[in-house]
Amino acid sequence: MKTLIIIPTYNEIENLRPLLETTFSYVPETDVLVIDDNSPDGTGALADQISQENARVHVMHRAGKLGLGTAYIAGFKYAIEHLYDAAFEMDADFSHDPRYLPAFLKAIENADLVIGSRYISGGGTPNWSLLRRFISGGGNIFARFMLNMPIHDCTAGFRCYRREVLEHIDLDSIQSQGYAFQVELAYRVLKHGFKVVETPIIFLDRRVGKSKMSRKIFLEGFTWVIRTRFGKDGSAHSTMYGPIKEVPSMLQK
């Protein structure tokens, strides 16, 4: 399977090289697309240097900080154009541990979307504060209930999509960012009848640098769910989906 890992970056110069080295140690046959939003710290220049050293690393430069959602949309279009069989979303800060990538690749063989879940057996957020757990867990319960989605972790950003899914969900019409972006894509995948599975991950806070989470991103996710739930067509709350399969982690004994 020809796969692409999409990694948006903004000021990740300390994380990028070790992340790519670790990633290739687990999935040496994959390609990586680094999408840099003109990082002031020189992350884009480092990505270019690594690309010259490793032909599997590709780099896309953007004019400025345009948002996580638009970065992934650009990456998905790149994956479609270059005929990758599957494309990953993955953070640059090690909160998405590359050791889980082989489990994703195994799961995507029999699924259309694989989500790295913090909220199924084997998953977790061990170094989060109680407040952050409340916000994240509560946000997931809220989105699941309001949109009737049988996904335990619909805000998760560690994912793998088959190309056929990306070709069917009208990428150009997606406007949301942050949490809302992840919820919207999961919602659209389910609405199209594609198969979603969840595989457990342990999610840790970033190793180096500052978190990019903000109140604006959280509020956008909340309002997107409300607008979708009470949209003009009124279809969100009445849609029925099949159960989402949980895939045991390959790391569990």
C-alpha atoms as a PDB file:
ATOM      1  CA  MET A   1       0.000   0.000   0.000  1.00  0.00           C
ATOM      2  CA  LYS A   2       1.355   3.390  -1.043  1.00  0.00           C
ATOM      3  CA  THR A   3       0.962   5.718   1.950  1.00  0.00           C
ATOM      4  CA  LEU A   4       1.555   9.370   2.742  1.00  0.00           C
ATOM      5  CA  ILE A   5       1.920  10.896   6.204  1.00  0.00           C
ATOM      6  CA  ILE A   6       0.850  14.552   6.217  1.00  0.00           C
ATOM      7  CA  ILE A   7       2.571  16.638   8.907  1.00  0.00           C
ATOM      8  CA  PRO A   8       1.628  20.331   9.171  1.00  0.00           C
ATOM      9  CA  THR A   9       4.307  22.437  10.874  1.00  0.00           C
ATOM     10  CA  TYR A  10       4.616  25.851  12.452  1.00  0.00           C
ATOM     11  CA  ASN A  11       7.687  26.458  14.607  1.00  0.00           C
ATOM     12  CA  GLU A  12       8.572  22.778  15.005  1.00  0.00           C
ATOM     13  CA  ILE A  13      12.293  22.981  14.265  1.00  0.00           C
ATOM     14  CA  GLU A  14      13.252  21.077  17.432  1.00  0.00           C
ATOM     15  CA  ASN A  15      10.792  18.255  16.765  1.00  0.00           C
ATOM     16  CA  LEU A  16      10.920  17.736  13.011  1.00  0.00           C
ATOM     17  CA  ARG A  17      14.120  15.773  12.458  1.00  0.00           C
ATOM     18  CA  PRO A  18      13.708  13.374  15.429  1.00  0.00           C
ATOM     19  CA  LEU A  19      10.048  12.868  14.496  1.00  0.00           C
ATOM     20  CA  LEU A  20      10.892  11.905  10.924  1.00  0.00           C
ATOM     21  CA  GLU A  21      13.714   9.626  12.034  1.00  0.00           C
ATOM     22  CA  THR A  22      11.398   7.856  14.467  1.00  0.00           C
ATOM     23  CA  THR A  23       8.621   7.636  11.885  1.00  0.00           C
ATOM     24  CA  PHE A  24      10.827   5.958   9.293  1.00  0.00           C
ATOM     25  CA  SER A  25      12.094   3.512  11.903  1.00  0.00           C
ATOM     26  CA  TYR A  26       8.533   2.149  12.154  1.00  0.00           C
ATOM     27  CA  VAL A  27       7.283   2.616   8.583  1.00  0.00           C
ATOM     28  CA  PRO A  28      10.326   2.854   6.295  1.00  0.00           C
ATOM     29  CA  GLU A  29       8.314   2.457   3.085  1.00  0.00           C
ATOM     30  CA  THR A  30       5.977   5.411   3.624  1.00  0.00           C
ATOM     31  CA  ASP A  31       6.298   8.928   2.210  1.00  0.00           C
ATOM     32  CA  VAL A  32       5.975  12.091   4.293  1.00  0.00           C
ATOM     33  CA  LEU A  33       4.627  15.484   3.250  1.00  0.00           C
ATOM     34  CA  VAL A  34       5.670  18.348   5.518  1.00  0.00           C
ATOM     35  CA  ILE A  35       3.378  21.368   5.084  1.00  0.00           C
ATOM     36  CA  ASP A  36       5.057  24.392   6.625  1.00  0.00           C
ATOM     37  CA  ASP A  37       3.238  27.688   7.205  1.00  0.00           C
ATOM     38  CA  ASN A  38       6.301  29.928   6.838  1.00  0.00           C
ATOM     39  CA  SER A  39       7.594  29.119  10.326  1.00  0.00           C
ATOM     40  CA  PRO A  40       9.677  31.987  11.749  1.00  0.00           C
ATOM     41  CA  ASP A  41      12.011  29.514  13.469  1.00  0.00           C
ATOM     42  CA  GLY A  42      13.234  27.991  10.183  1.00  0.00           C
ATOM     43  CA  THR A  43      11.245  24.737  10.218  1.00  0.00           C
ATOM     44  CA  GLY A  44      10.560  25.071   6.488  1.00  0.00           C
ATOM     45  CA  ALA A  45      14.237  25.406   5.641  1.00  0.00           C
ATOM     46  CA  LEU A  46      15.034  22.362   7.773  1.00  0.00           C
ATOM     47  CA  ALA A  47      12.305  20.407   5.999  1.00  0.00           C
ATOM     48  CA  ASP A  48      13.887  21.294   2.643  1.00  0.00           C
ATOM     49  CA  GLN A  49      17.267  20.111   3.916  1.00  0.00           C
ATOM     50  CA  ILE A  50      15.819  16.790   5.107  1.00  0.00           C
ATOM     51  CA  SER A  51      14.032  16.378   1.767  1.00  0.00           C
ATOM     52  CA  GLN A  52      17.362  16.654  -0.025  1.00  0.00           C
ATOM     53  CA  GLU A  53      18.720  13.922   2.235  1.00  0.00           C
ATOM     54  CA  ASN A  54      15.690  11.621   1.941  1.00  0.00           C
ATOM     55  CA  ALA A  55      13.665  11.314  -1.273  1.00  0.00           C
ATOM     56  CA  ARG A  56      10.649  10.080   0.704  1.00  0.00           C
ATOM     57  CA  VAL A  57      10.253  13.472   2.388  1.00  0.00           C
ATOM     58  CA  HIS A  58       8.334  16.089   0.414  1.00  0.00           C
ATOM     59  CA  VAL A  59       7.751  19.691   1.439  1.00  0.00           C
ATOM     60  CA  MET A  60       4.958  22.158   0.743  1.00  0.00           C
ATOM     61  CA  HIS A  61       5.505  25.795   1.708  1.00  0.00           C
ATOM     62  CA  ARG A  62       2.605  28.134   2.418  1.00  0.00           C
ATOM     63  CA  ALA A  63       2.685  31.916   2.731  1.00  0.00           C
ATOM     64  CA  GLY A  64       1.716  32.093   6.405  1.00  0.00           C
ATOM     65  CA  LYS A  65      -0.182  30.558   9.287  1.00  0.00           C
ATOM     66  CA  LEU A  66      -3.307  29.469   7.409  1.00  0.00           C
ATOM     67  CA  GLY A  67      -4.680  26.893   9.852  1.00  0.00           C
ATOM     68  CA  LEU A  68      -4.488  23.182  10.487  1.00  0.00           C
ATOM     69  CA  GLY A  69      -7.607  22.313   8.518  1.00  0.00           C
ATOM     70  CA  THR A  70      -6.465  24.006   5.317  1.00  0.00           C
ATOM     71  CA  ALA A  71      -3.060  22.348   5.678  1.00  0.00           C
ATOM     72  CA  TYR A  72      -4.638  18.897   5.805  1.00  0.00           C
ATOM     73  CA  ILE A  73      -6.918  19.729   2.876  1.00  0.00           C
ATOM     74  CA  ALA A  74      -3.844  20.686   0.839  1.00  0.00           C
ATOM     75  CA  GLY A  75      -2.173  17.444   1.907  1.00  0.00           C
ATOM     76  CA  PHE A  76      -5.217  15.350   1.007  1.00  0.00           C
ATOM     77  CA  LYS A  77      -5.307  16.909  -2.456  1.00  0.00           C
ATOM     78  CA  TYR A  78      -1.613  16.106  -2.840  1.00  0.00           C
ATOM     79  CA  ALA A  79      -2.315  12.494  -1.855  1.00  0.00           C
ATOM     80  CA  ILE A  80      -5.136  12.243  -4.402  1.00  0.00           C
ATOM     81  CA  GLU A  81      -3.062  13.835  -7.168  1.00  0.00           C
ATOM     82  CA  HIS A  82      -0.132  11.498  -6.543  1.00  0.00           C
ATOM     83  CA  LEU A  83      -2.333   8.398  -6.251  1.00  0.00           C
ATOM     84  CA  TYR A  84      -1.482   7.385  -2.703  1.00  0.00           C
ATOM     85  CA  ASP A  85      -3.656   4.556  -1.408  1.00  0.00           C
ATOM     86  CA  ALA A  86      -3.951   6.083   2.060  1.00  0.00           C
ATOM     87  CA  ALA A  87      -3.087   9.357   3.785  1.00  0.00           C
ATOM     88  CA  PHE A  88      -2.375  10.031   7.467  1.00  0.00           C
ATOM     89  CA  GLU A  89      -3.006  13.069   9.619  1.00  0.00           C
ATOM     90  CA  MET A  90      -0.217  13.361  12.178  1.00  0.00           C
ATOM     91  CA  ASP A  91       0.994  16.120  14.512  1.00  0.00           C
ATOM     92  CA  ALA A  92       4.594  17.291  14.462  1.00  0.00           C
ATOM     93  CA  ASP A  93       5.028  17.462  18.236  1.00  0.00           C
ATOM     94  CA  PHE A  94       5.241  13.734  19.172  1.00  0.00           C
ATOM     95  CA  SER A  95       1.793  13.778  20.782  1.00  0.00           C
ATOM     96  CA  HIS A  96       0.983  11.304  18.004  1.00  0.00           C
ATOM     97  CA  ASP A  97       3.525   8.583  18.680  1.00  0.00           C
ATOM     98  CA  PRO A  98       4.942   7.028  15.467  1.00  0.00           C
ATOM     99  CA  ARG A  99       5.048   3.621  17.168  1.00  0.00           C
ATOM    100  CA  TYR A 100       1.323   3.291  16.435  1.00  0.00           C
ATOM    101  CA  LEU A 101       1.743   3.647  12.671  1.00  0.00           C
ATOM    102  CA  PRO A 102       2.062  -0.119  11.971  1.00  0.00           C
ATOM    103  CA  ALA A 103      -1.269  -0.684  13.771  1.00  0.00           C
ATOM    104  CA  PHE A 104      -2.901   1.946  11.575  1.00  0.00           C
ATOM    105  CA  LEU A 105      -1.547   0.319   8.430  1.00  0.00           C
ATOM    106  CA  LYS A 106      -2.874  -3.063   9.469  1.00  0.00           C
ATOM    107  CA  ALA A 107      -6.297  -1.641  10.334  1.00  0.00           C
ATOM    108  CA  ILE A 108      -6.691   0.398   7.134  1.00  0.00           C
ATOM    109  CA  GLU A 109      -6.481  -2.812   5.104  1.00  0.00           C
ATOM    110  CA  ASN A 110     -10.086  -3.511   6.154  1.00  0.00           C
ATOM    111  CA  ALA A 111     -11.398   0.007   6.774  1.00  0.00           C
ATOM    112  CA  ASP A 112     -11.900   3.353   5.063  1.00  0.00           C
ATOM    113  CA  LEU A 113     -10.922   5.536   8.020  1.00  0.00           C
ATOM    114  CA  VAL A 114      -8.837   4.552  11.037  1.00  0.00           C
ATOM    115  CA  ILE A 115      -8.910   6.864  14.063  1.00  0.00           C
ATOM    116  CA  GLY A 116      -6.326   6.755  16.826  1.00  0.00           C
ATOM    117  CA  SER A 117      -8.612   6.834  19.849  1.00  0.00           C
ATOM    118  CA  ARG A 118      -7.868   8.041  23.364  1.00  0.00           C
ATOM    119  CA  TYR A 119     -11.261   6.888  24.614  1.00  0.00           C
ATOM    120  CA  ILE A 120     -11.399   3.151  23.965  1.00  0.00           C
ATOM    121  CA  SER A 121      -9.776   0.291  25.849  1.00  0.00           C
ATOM    122  CA  GLY A 122      -6.009   0.659  25.644  1.00  0.00           C
ATOM    123  CA  GLY A 123      -6.118   4.388  24.922  1.00  0.00           C
ATOM    124  CA  GLY A 124      -5.547   7.255  27.301  1.00  0.00           C
ATOM    125  CA  THR A 125      -4.191  10.705  28.163  1.00  0.00           C
ATOM    126  CA  PRO A 126      -2.026   9.988  31.219  1.00  0.00           C
ATOM    127  CA  ASN A 127      -0.289  13.358  31.607  1.00  0.00           C
ATOM    128  CA  TRP A 128      -3.279  15.618  31.045  1.00  0.00           C
ATOM    129  CA  SER A 129      -4.751  17.848  33.699  1.00  0.00           C
ATOM    130  CA  LEU A 130      -8.247  17.146  35.007  1.00  0.00           C
ATOM    131  CA  LEU A 131      -9.497  20.303  33.270  1.00  0.00           C
ATOM    132  CA  ARG A 132      -8.117  19.241  29.889  1.00  0.00           C
ATOM    133  CA  ARG A 133      -9.584  15.764  30.269  1.00  0.00           C
ATOM    134  CA  PHE A 134     -12.950  17.296  31.134  1.00  0.00           C
ATOM    135  CA  ILE A 135     -12.896  19.619  28.124  1.00  0.00           C
ATOM    136  CA  SER A 136     -11.765  16.967  25.644  1.00  0.00           C
ATOM    137  CA  GLY A 137     -13.885  14.134  26.996  1.00  0.00           C
ATOM    138  CA  GLY A 138     -16.918  16.376  27.396  1.00  0.00           C
ATOM    139  CA  GLY A 139     -16.470  17.736  23.884  1.00  0.00           C
ATOM    140  CA  ASN A 140     -16.441  14.225  22.458  1.00  0.00           C
ATOM    141  CA  ILE A 141     -19.545  13.179  24.374  1.00  0.00           C
ATOM    142  CA  PHE A 142     -21.291  16.370  23.244  1.00  0.00           C
ATOM    143  CA  ALA A 143     -20.422  15.832  19.553  1.00  0.00           C
ATOM    144  CA  ARG A 144     -21.323  12.139  19.661  1.00  0.00           C
ATOM    145  CA  PHE A 145     -24.684  12.820  21.252  1.00  0.00           C
ATOM    146  CA  MET A 146     -25.652  15.836  19.156  1.00  0.00           C
ATOM    147  CA  LEU A 147     -24.663  14.260  15.823  1.00  0.00           C
ATOM    148  CA  ASN A 148     -25.477  10.648  16.698  1.00  0.00           C
ATOM    149  CA  MET A 149     -21.975   9.502  15.768  1.00  0.00           C
ATOM    150  CA  PRO A 150     -20.857   6.100  17.086  1.00  0.00           C
ATOM    151  CA  ILE A 151     -17.215   7.231  17.368  1.00  0.00           C
ATOM    152  CA  HIS A 152     -15.594   7.394  20.796  1.00  0.00           C
ATOM    153  CA  ASP A 153     -12.949   9.951  19.798  1.00  0.00           C
ATOM    154  CA  CYS A 154     -14.391  12.143  17.062  1.00  0.00           C
ATOM    155  CA  THR A 155     -11.995  15.048  17.785  1.00  0.00           C
ATOM    156  CA  ALA A 156      -8.879  12.877  17.403  1.00  0.00           C
ATOM    157  CA  GLY A 157      -6.292  14.159  14.948  1.00  0.00           C
ATOM    158  CA  PHE A 158      -4.234  10.980  14.447  1.00  0.00           C
ATOM    159  CA  ARG A 159      -5.965   9.321  11.496  1.00  0.00           C
ATOM    160  CA  CYS A 160      -5.566   7.381   8.282  1.00  0.00           C
ATOM    161  CA  TYR A 161      -7.920   7.773   5.306  1.00  0.00           C
ATOM    162  CA  ARG A 162      -8.182   5.724   2.151  1.00  0.00           C
ATOM    163  CA  ARG A 163      -7.858   7.842  -0.972  1.00  0.00           C
ATOM    164  CA  GLU A 164     -11.337   6.835  -2.111  1.00  0.00           C
ATOM    165  CA  VAL A 165     -12.779   8.469   1.001  1.00  0.00           C
ATOM    166  CA  LEU A 166     -10.965  11.740   0.353  1.00  0.00           C
ATOM    167  CA  GLU A 167     -12.217  11.721  -3.230  1.00  0.00           C
ATOM    168  CA  HIS A 168     -15.855  11.529  -2.081  1.00  0.00           C
ATOM    169  CA  ILE A 169     -16.189  14.051   0.762  1.00  0.00           C
ATOM    170  CA  ASP A 170     -15.924  17.336  -1.187  1.00  0.00           C
ATOM    171  CA  LEU A 171     -12.750  18.722   0.338  1.00  0.00           C
ATOM    172  CA  ASP A 172     -13.290  22.195  -1.132  1.00  0.00           C
ATOM    173  CA  SER A 173     -16.464  22.712   0.901  1.00  0.00           C
ATOM    174  CA  ILE A 174     -14.785  22.132   4.289  1.00  0.00           C
ATOM    175  CA  GLN A 175     -14.205  25.427   6.109  1.00  0.00           C
ATOM    176  CA  SER A 176     -13.681  24.397   9.754  1.00  0.00           C
ATOM    177  CA  GLN A 177     -10.406  24.182  11.680  1.00  0.00           C
ATOM    178  CA  GLY A 178      -9.120  22.506  14.852  1.00  0.00           C
ATOM    179  CA  TYR A 179     -11.556  20.275  16.733  1.00  0.00           C
ATOM    180  CA  ALA A 180     -14.362  21.182  14.328  1.00  0.00           C
ATOM    181  CA  PHE A 181     -12.309  20.027  11.352  1.00  0.00           C
ATOM    182  CA  GLN A 182     -11.846  16.561  12.826  1.00  0.00           C
ATOM    183  CA  VAL A 183     -15.505  16.246  13.812  1.00  0.00           C
ATOM    184  CA  GLU A 184     -16.687  17.438  10.401  1.00  0.00           C
ATOM    185  CA  LEU A 185     -14.540  14.963   8.495  1.00  0.00           C
ATOM    186  CA  ALA A 186     -15.631  12.058  10.683  1.00  0.00           C
ATOM    187  CA  TYR A 187     -19.252  13.129  10.232  1.00  0.00           C
ATOM    188  CA  ARG A 188     -18.903  13.309   6.450  1.00  0.00           C
ATOM    189  CA  VAL A 189     -17.187   9.928   6.269  1.00  0.00           C
ATOM    190  CA  LEU A 190     -20.052   8.330   8.172  1.00  0.00           C
ATOM    191  CA  LYS A 191     -22.676  10.146   6.090  1.00  0.00           C
ATOM    192  CA  HIS A 192     -21.165   8.604   2.963  1.00  0.00           C
ATOM    193  CA  GLY A 193     -21.429   5.129   4.468  1.00  0.00           C
ATOM    194  CA  PHE A 194     -17.709   4.432   4.741  1.00  0.00           C
ATOM    195  CA  LYS A 195     -16.318   2.025   7.325  1.00  0.00           C
ATOM    196  CA  VAL A 196     -14.640   3.601  10.367  1.00  0.00           C
ATOM    197  CA  VAL A 197     -12.564   1.746  12.956  1.00  0.00           C
ATOM    198  CA  GLU A 198     -10.810   2.999  16.076  1.00  0.00           C
ATOM    199  CA  THR A 199      -7.445   1.814  17.322  1.00  0.00           C
ATOM    200  CA  PRO A 200      -6.197   2.782  20.803  1.00  0.00           C
ATOM    201  CA  ILE A 201      -3.409   5.289  21.326  1.00  0.00           C
ATOM    202  CA  ILE A 202      -1.809   6.883  24.355  1.00  0.00           C
ATOM    203  CA  PHE A 203      -1.806  10.626  23.733  1.00  0.00           C
ATOM    204  CA  LEU A 204       0.885  12.653  25.476  1.00  0.00           C
ATOM    205  CA  ASP A 205       1.446  16.407  25.634  1.00  0.00           C
ATOM    206  CA  ARG A 206       3.948  17.757  23.142  1.00  0.00           C
ATOM    207  CA  ARG A 207       7.612  17.182  24.012  1.00  0.00           C
ATOM    208  CA  VAL A 208       8.985  20.573  22.954  1.00  0.00           C
ATOM    209  CA  GLY A 209       7.337  23.914  22.217  1.00  0.00           C
ATOM    210  CA  LYS A 210       4.023  25.517  23.015  1.00  0.00           C
ATOM    211  CA  SER A 211       0.563  24.052  22.452  1.00  0.00           C
ATOM    212  CA  LYS A 212      -1.422  25.690  19.639  1.00  0.00           C
ATOM    213  CA  MET A 213      -4.804  24.965  21.240  1.00  0.00           C
ATOM    214  CA  SER A 214      -6.885  28.072  21.906  1.00  0.00           C
ATOM    215  CA  ARG A 215     -10.302  29.139  23.143  1.00  0.00           C
ATOM    216  CA  LYS A 216     -11.177  30.128  19.563  1.00  0.00           C
ATOM    217  CA  ILE A 217     -10.522  26.586  18.307  1.00  0.00           C
ATOM    218  CA  PHE A 218     -12.614  25.080  21.101  1.00  0.00           C
ATOM    219  CA  LEU A 219     -15.527  27.461  20.525  1.00  0.00           C
ATOM    220  CA  GLU A 220     -15.440  26.801  16.788  1.00  0.00           C
ATOM    221  CA  GLY A 221     -15.866  23.084  17.450  1.00  0.00           C
ATOM    222  CA  PHE A 222     -18.815  23.719  19.770  1.00  0.00           C
ATOM    223  CA  THR A 223     -20.604  26.061  17.374  1.00  0.00           C
ATOM    224  CA  TRP A 224     -20.016  23.813  14.357  1.00  0.00           C
ATOM    225  CA  VAL A 225     -21.716  20.916  16.132  1.00  0.00           C
ATOM    226  CA  ILE A 226     -24.664  23.132  17.103  1.00  0.00           C
ATOM    227  CA  ARG A 227     -25.063  24.490  13.561  1.00  0.00           C
ATOM    228  CA  THR A 228     -24.891  21.023  12.064  1.00  0.00           C
ATOM    229  CA  ARG A 229     -27.308  19.546  14.595  1.00  0.00           C
ATOM    230  CA  PHE A 230     -29.887  22.234  13.983  1.00  0.00           C
ATOM    231  CA  GLY A 231     -29.114  22.830  10.301  1.00  0.00           C
ATOM    232  CA  LYS A 232     -31.749  23.565   7.724  1.00  0.00           C
ATOM    233  CA  ASP A 233     -32.058  19.963   6.596  1.00  0.00           C
ATOM    234  CA  GLY A 234     -32.408  18.710  10.205  1.00  0.00           C
ATOM    235  CA  SER A 235     -30.768  15.475   9.146  1.00  0.00           C
ATOM    236  CA  ALA A 236     -27.895  15.263  11.599  1.00  0.00           C
ATOM    237  CA  HIS A 237     -29.872  14.013  14.573  1.00  0.00           C
ATOM    238  CA  SER A 238     -31.867  11.459  12.584  1.00  0.00           C
ATOM    239  CA  THR A 239     -29.033   9.755  10.739  1.00  0.00           C
ATOM    240  CA  MET A 240     -28.353   6.188  11.868  1.00  0.00           C
ATOM    241  CA  TYR A 241     -24.927   4.594  11.561  1.00  0.00           C
ATOM    242  CA  GLY A 242     -23.651   1.117  12.171  1.00  0.00           C
ATOM    243  CA  PRO A 243     -21.379   0.368  15.144  1.00  0.00           C
ATOM    244  CA  ILE A 244     -17.756   1.474  14.962  1.00  0.00           C
ATOM    245  CA  LYS A 245     -15.279  -1.371  15.320  1.00  0.00           C
ATOM    246  CA  GLU A 246     -12.541  -1.093  17.926  1.00  0.00           C
ATOM    247  CA  VAL A 247      -9.243  -2.608  16.852  1.00  0.00           C
ATOM    248  CA  PRO A 248      -7.009  -3.840  19.695  1.00  0.00           C
ATOM    249  CA  SER A 249      -3.607  -2.213  19.718  1.00  0.00           C
ATOM    250  CA  MET A 250      -0.700  -4.253  18.366  1.00  0.00           C
ATOM    251  CA  LEU A 251       1.238  -2.918  21.342  1.00  0.00           C
ATOM    252  CA  GLN A 252      -1.012  -4.531  23.912  1.00  0.00           C
ATOM    253  CA  LYS A 253       0.086  -7.800  25.396  1.00  0.00           C
END
